[in-house]
Amino acid sequence: MDRRAELREFLRSRRARVRPEDAGLRPGTGFSGRRRVPGLRREELAQLSGVSVDYYVRLEQGRGGHASAEVLDAIAHVLRLDAHERAHLYALVRGDEGRHDDARQPAAGQGQEVRPGVLRLLRTFEHSPAYVVGRRQEVLAWNELARILIADFPALPPGERNLARLTFLDRSARRRYVHWQQKADDTVAFLRLDTGRHPDDPKLAALIAELTEHSEDFRRLWSDHNVRDKTYGSKPLHHPRAGALDLSFETLRLPDEPDQAVVVYLAEPDSAADRELRRLVGEG
């Protein structure tokens, strides 16, 4: 993927959501007159960030050279970027510079292996759906409840064991995820974050091209340029036999495999969802 184009569109989208008055600008201080675009102009962002207009224009076009941490932090502050967006900005501007985990990571064309200890960990979550997700939203391993509730992963070809493909191209996903729209938005935001980490990954580019071609919802969300990592939250699911299950999820990122994470769905102890999960395990 074109990292320069990604950087340009990301900064444009973030500028567009910041109102001049919210950034401390008042009429007559640089944004009077008719505005052709919403949000901050490049000139205004440069002024507020303490850099020249020419330098900011070159930076937004991917020609800024070695941008200092101070400059990037100043731009991130004006644009009100959160931690994930700030990390994405750094990745797009600096590429692989400063990354110390590359030696541990497989090349783009290689498979991602899950350590035996992590596989054993999955099996300990007997009454909670759990799986390992890797780059490109690929599901690398799973336990029995994840197979029952999310997808029959063993029956899928390896190339289709992918949460993004399942979310947008599998019709059953809209029934499975009670809040499908939020799931879709989170999925796209995580993929966008992945493009900053691995802009030269041909498999990731192919996945995005496939989803763009076949899903109008994906095209709409992808154009928003939102970035977000998997963390924790509410994730109610629907199962044909168990009905609606009120669940939350926690993401446990592996320290020595930063592109892999264990995702566990949890029910409140002794709740209706907890009882249904235990029943599903018993039925197999």
Protein backbone atom coordinates (compact mmCIF):
# COMPACT_ATOMS: atom_id res chain seq x y z
CA MET A 1 0.00 0.00 0.00
CA ASP A 2 1.06 3.60 -0.57
CA ARG A 3 2.16 4.87 2.84
CA ARG A 4 2.32 8.45 1.55
CA ALA A 5 -1.29 8.29 0.38
CA GLU A 6 -2.33 6.75 3.71
CA LEU A 7 -0.59 9.56 5.60
CA ARG A 8 -2.13 12.26 3.43
CA GLU A 9 -5.68 10.96 3.77
CA PHE A 10 -5.30 10.26 7.48
CA LEU A 11 -4.15 13.80 8.26
CA ARG A 12 -6.84 15.29 6.01
CA SER A 13 -9.53 13.28 7.79
CA ARG A 14 -8.22 14.31 11.23
CA ARG A 15 -8.03 17.99 10.21
CA ALA A 16 -11.59 17.83 8.98
CA ARG A 17 -13.00 16.85 12.36
CA VAL A 18 -11.38 19.71 14.35
CA ARG A 19 -13.37 22.94 14.32
CA PRO A 20 -11.20 26.09 14.17
CA GLU A 21 -12.91 27.60 17.20
CA ASP A 22 -12.24 24.42 19.20
CA ALA A 23 -8.55 24.77 18.37
CA GLY A 24 -8.52 28.29 19.80
CA LEU A 25 -8.84 30.23 16.54
CA ARG A 26 -11.29 33.12 16.33
CA PRO A 27 -12.67 35.05 13.36
CA GLY A 28 -9.95 37.33 12.10
CA THR A 29 -7.09 35.12 13.32
CA GLY A 30 -6.58 33.05 10.23
CA PHE A 31 -9.88 31.43 9.27
CA SER A 32 -12.17 34.27 8.26
CA GLY A 33 -13.94 34.10 4.94
CA ARG A 34 -15.72 31.24 3.23
CA ARG A 35 -14.30 27.81 4.00
CA ARG A 36 -14.14 25.26 1.22
CA VAL A 37 -13.44 22.33 3.57
CA PRO A 38 -14.60 21.52 7.11
CA GLY A 39 -12.17 21.65 9.96
CA LEU A 40 -8.68 23.09 10.04
CA ARG A 41 -6.83 24.30 6.99
CA ARG A 42 -3.25 23.15 6.53
CA GLU A 43 -2.08 26.71 7.19
CA GLU A 44 -3.94 26.80 10.49
CA LEU A 45 -2.64 23.43 11.63
CA ALA A 46 0.90 24.53 10.79
CA GLN A 47 0.45 27.76 12.74
CA LEU A 48 -0.94 25.98 15.79
CA SER A 49 1.77 23.30 15.65
CA GLY A 50 4.61 25.79 15.43
CA VAL A 51 5.94 24.71 12.03
CA SER A 52 6.09 26.47 8.68
CA VAL A 53 3.26 25.97 6.22
CA ASP A 54 5.71 24.66 3.62
CA TYR A 55 7.07 22.06 6.03
CA TYR A 56 3.61 20.87 7.08
CA VAL A 57 2.49 20.58 3.44
CA ARG A 58 5.54 18.45 2.67
CA LEU A 59 4.90 16.34 5.77
CA GLU A 60 1.29 15.73 4.83
CA GLN A 61 2.43 14.68 1.36
CA GLY A 62 4.91 12.21 2.84
CA ARG A 63 7.94 14.34 1.95
CA GLY A 64 8.74 15.61 5.44
CA GLY A 65 11.89 13.58 5.92
CA HIS A 66 12.83 12.84 9.52
CA ALA A 67 10.09 14.49 11.53
CA SER A 68 11.05 14.99 15.16
CA ALA A 69 9.01 13.61 18.03
CA GLU A 70 8.34 17.20 19.14
CA VAL A 71 6.80 18.10 15.77
CA LEU A 72 4.67 14.97 15.60
CA ASP A 73 3.52 15.42 19.20
CA ALA A 74 2.57 19.04 18.49
CA ILE A 75 0.52 18.03 15.44
CA ALA A 76 -1.10 15.18 17.38
CA HIS A 77 -1.99 17.59 20.18
CA VAL A 78 -3.68 20.09 17.86
CA LEU A 79 -5.56 17.30 16.07
CA ARG A 80 -6.59 15.79 19.42
CA LEU A 81 -5.34 12.35 18.47
CA ASP A 82 -5.81 9.56 20.97
CA ALA A 83 -3.04 7.08 21.78
CA HIS A 84 -3.90 4.75 18.90
CA GLU A 85 -4.14 7.57 16.38
CA ARG A 86 -0.87 9.05 17.62
CA ALA A 87 0.90 5.69 17.19
CA HIS A 88 -0.61 5.40 13.71
CA LEU A 89 0.72 8.85 12.79
CA TYR A 90 4.21 7.89 13.95
CA ALA A 91 4.05 4.64 11.96
CA LEU A 92 2.94 6.38 8.78
CA VAL A 93 5.56 9.13 9.05
CA ARG A 94 8.50 7.04 10.19
CA GLY A 95 7.74 3.63 8.74
CA ASP A 96 9.82 0.90 10.37
CA GLU A 97 12.20 3.42 11.98
CA GLY A 98 12.41 2.87 15.69
CA ARG A 99 10.76 -0.55 15.68
CA HIS A 100 12.66 -3.08 17.74
CA ASP A 101 10.41 -6.09 17.28
CA ASP A 102 10.93 -6.69 13.55
CA ALA A 103 13.41 -9.49 14.14
CA ARG A 104 10.71 -11.46 15.94
CA GLN A 105 8.03 -10.91 13.34
CA PRO A 106 7.45 -13.18 10.32
CA ALA A 107 7.89 -11.67 6.90
CA ALA A 108 4.69 -10.66 5.11
CA GLY A 109 4.48 -13.87 3.12
CA GLN A 110 5.19 -16.23 6.01
CA GLY A 111 2.66 -17.82 8.32
CA GLN A 112 2.15 -16.78 11.91
CA GLU A 113 2.81 -19.51 14.45
CA VAL A 114 1.15 -19.69 17.85
CA ARG A 115 3.34 -20.94 20.69
CA PRO A 116 2.31 -24.26 22.29
CA GLY A 117 1.94 -22.54 25.65
CA VAL A 118 -0.61 -20.13 24.19
CA LEU A 119 -2.55 -23.06 22.71
CA ARG A 120 -2.66 -24.66 26.16
CA LEU A 121 -3.83 -21.33 27.59
CA LEU A 122 -6.80 -21.29 25.20
CA ARG A 123 -7.94 -24.69 26.47
CA THR A 124 -8.03 -23.41 30.06
CA PHE A 125 -10.90 -21.07 29.13
CA GLU A 126 -13.34 -23.95 29.30
CA HIS A 127 -16.49 -21.84 29.72
CA SER A 128 -15.40 -18.76 27.74
CA PRO A 129 -14.98 -18.39 23.97
CA ALA A 130 -11.33 -17.53 23.26
CA TYR A 131 -9.15 -17.26 20.19
CA VAL A 132 -5.81 -15.89 19.00
CA VAL A 133 -5.97 -13.14 16.39
CA GLY A 134 -2.96 -12.11 14.37
CA ARG A 135 -2.09 -9.77 11.55
CA ARG A 136 -4.83 -8.91 9.05
CA GLN A 137 -7.45 -10.10 11.60
CA GLU A 138 -6.50 -13.72 10.90
CA VAL A 139 -7.77 -16.20 13.50
CA LEU A 140 -4.77 -18.40 14.28
CA ALA A 141 -6.16 -20.62 17.04
CA TRP A 142 -9.40 -21.06 18.96
CA ASN A 143 -11.11 -23.08 21.67
CA GLU A 144 -14.29 -25.10 21.42
CA LEU A 145 -16.68 -22.34 22.52
CA ALA A 146 -15.20 -19.94 19.96
CA ARG A 147 -15.91 -22.56 17.30
CA ILE A 148 -19.50 -22.91 18.53
CA LEU A 149 -20.29 -19.20 18.95
CA ILE A 150 -18.20 -17.29 16.41
CA ALA A 151 -17.43 -19.55 13.44
CA ASP A 152 -16.72 -23.18 12.63
CA PHE A 153 -13.06 -22.38 12.03
CA PRO A 154 -11.90 -25.98 11.37
CA ALA A 155 -14.40 -26.22 8.51
CA LEU A 156 -13.15 -23.03 6.86
CA PRO A 157 -10.20 -22.92 4.46
CA PRO A 158 -7.23 -21.27 6.21
CA GLY A 159 -7.54 -18.15 4.03
CA GLU A 160 -11.11 -17.62 5.22
CA ARG A 161 -10.35 -17.81 8.94
CA ASN A 162 -10.37 -14.06 9.09
CA LEU A 163 -12.56 -11.85 11.30
CA ALA A 164 -12.74 -9.05 8.74
CA ARG A 165 -13.93 -11.41 6.00
CA LEU A 166 -16.43 -13.02 8.36
CA THR A 167 -17.76 -9.63 9.52
CA PHE A 168 -18.36 -8.19 6.06
CA LEU A 169 -18.74 -11.15 3.71
CA ASP A 170 -20.55 -13.73 5.87
CA ARG A 171 -24.25 -12.91 6.07
CA SER A 172 -24.63 -14.72 9.39
CA ALA A 173 -22.35 -12.15 11.05
CA ARG A 174 -25.18 -9.62 11.27
CA ARG A 175 -27.13 -12.10 13.38
CA ARG A 176 -24.13 -13.32 15.37
CA TYR A 177 -23.00 -9.87 16.54
CA VAL A 178 -25.89 -8.14 18.29
CA HIS A 179 -24.23 -4.76 17.69
CA TRP A 180 -22.95 -5.55 14.20
CA GLN A 181 -22.36 -1.91 13.23
CA GLN A 182 -20.00 -1.39 16.16
CA LYS A 183 -18.23 -4.65 15.37
CA ALA A 184 -17.81 -3.56 11.75
CA ASP A 185 -16.45 -0.15 12.75
CA ASP A 186 -13.99 -1.69 15.22
CA THR A 187 -12.82 -4.21 12.62
CA VAL A 188 -12.10 -1.55 10.01
CA ALA A 189 -10.37 0.68 12.56
CA PHE A 190 -8.07 -2.18 13.58
CA LEU A 191 -7.26 -3.02 9.95
CA ARG A 192 -6.40 0.62 9.36
CA LEU A 193 -4.03 0.47 12.34
CA ASP A 194 -2.46 -2.63 10.81
CA THR A 195 -1.74 -0.76 7.57
CA GLY A 196 0.44 1.68 9.50
CA ARG A 197 2.35 -1.14 11.16
CA HIS A 198 2.76 -3.20 7.99
CA PRO A 199 2.26 -0.98 4.92
CA ASP A 200 4.18 -3.36 2.65
CA ASP A 201 2.16 -6.49 3.46
CA PRO A 202 0.73 -7.79 0.13
CA LYS A 203 -1.74 -10.10 1.88
CA LEU A 204 -3.16 -7.17 3.83
CA ALA A 205 -3.45 -5.12 0.65
CA ALA A 206 -5.24 -8.02 -1.07
CA LEU A 207 -7.68 -8.39 1.84
CA ILE A 208 -8.54 -4.70 1.80
CA ALA A 209 -9.01 -4.80 -1.98
CA GLU A 210 -11.35 -7.80 -1.67
CA LEU A 211 -13.44 -6.17 1.06
CA THR A 212 -13.55 -2.87 -0.83
CA GLU A 213 -14.83 -4.64 -3.94
CA HIS A 214 -17.48 -6.78 -2.28
CA SER A 215 -18.78 -4.73 0.67
CA GLU A 216 -20.37 -1.30 0.48
CA ASP A 217 -20.31 -1.09 4.28
CA PHE A 218 -16.56 -1.70 4.29
CA ARG A 219 -15.96 0.97 1.62
CA ARG A 220 -17.92 3.52 3.64
CA LEU A 221 -16.14 2.79 6.92
CA TRP A 222 -12.70 2.55 5.30
CA SER A 223 -13.07 6.09 3.94
CA ASP A 224 -13.42 7.42 7.52
CA HIS A 225 -9.74 6.63 8.29
CA ASN A 226 -10.51 5.73 11.91
CA VAL A 227 -7.86 3.75 13.82
CA ARG A 228 -8.41 1.74 16.98
CA ASP A 229 -6.75 -1.21 18.69
CA LYS A 230 -8.46 -4.19 20.26
CA THR A 231 -8.75 -3.61 24.00
CA TYR A 232 -11.86 -4.52 25.99
CA GLY A 233 -15.58 -3.81 26.05
CA SER A 234 -19.06 -5.19 25.60
CA LYS A 235 -19.63 -7.79 22.89
CA PRO A 236 -23.06 -9.45 23.09
CA LEU A 237 -23.47 -12.41 20.75
CA HIS A 238 -26.47 -14.29 19.40
CA HIS A 239 -26.52 -18.05 19.02
CA PRO A 240 -29.33 -20.01 17.29
CA ARG A 241 -29.84 -22.31 20.29
CA ALA A 242 -28.78 -20.09 23.19
CA GLY A 243 -30.29 -16.80 21.98
CA ALA A 244 -28.75 -13.46 23.00
CA LEU A 245 -25.71 -13.73 25.27
CA ASP A 246 -24.65 -10.67 27.24
CA LEU A 247 -20.84 -10.90 27.04
CA SER A 248 -17.80 -8.66 27.43
CA PHE A 249 -14.34 -9.21 26.01
CA GLU A 250 -10.75 -8.71 27.10
CA THR A 251 -7.71 -8.58 24.81
CA LEU A 252 -4.43 -9.98 26.10
CA ARG A 253 -1.60 -8.95 23.78
CA LEU A 254 1.43 -11.23 23.86
CA PRO A 255 4.58 -9.33 24.89
CA ASP A 256 6.94 -11.29 22.63
CA GLU A 257 4.48 -11.44 19.71
CA PRO A 258 3.07 -7.89 19.43
CA ASP A 259 1.02 -8.79 16.34
CA GLN A 260 -0.81 -11.58 18.20
CA ALA A 261 -3.44 -11.27 20.90
CA VAL A 262 -5.64 -13.61 22.89
CA VAL A 263 -9.26 -12.43 22.87
CA VAL A 264 -11.54 -13.86 25.56
CA TYR A 265 -15.32 -13.40 25.81
CA LEU A 266 -16.64 -13.39 29.37
CA ALA A 267 -20.02 -13.70 31.07
CA GLU A 268 -20.89 -12.49 34.54
CA PRO A 269 -20.71 -15.41 37.00
CA ASP A 270 -24.06 -17.13 37.57
CA SER A 271 -25.72 -14.97 34.90
CA ALA A 272 -28.05 -16.31 32.22
CA ALA A 273 -25.24 -16.02 29.69
CA ASP A 274 -22.88 -17.95 31.98
CA ARG A 275 -25.41 -20.76 32.30
CA GLU A 276 -25.94 -20.88 28.54
CA LEU A 277 -22.21 -21.04 27.84
CA ARG A 278 -21.86 -23.96 30.25
CA ARG A 279 -24.82 -25.69 28.59
CA LEU A 280 -23.30 -25.22 25.12
CA VAL A 281 -20.04 -26.75 26.33
CA GLY A 282 -21.94 -29.74 27.67
CA GLU A 283 -23.82 -30.23 24.40
CA GLY A 284 -20.57 -30.00 22.40
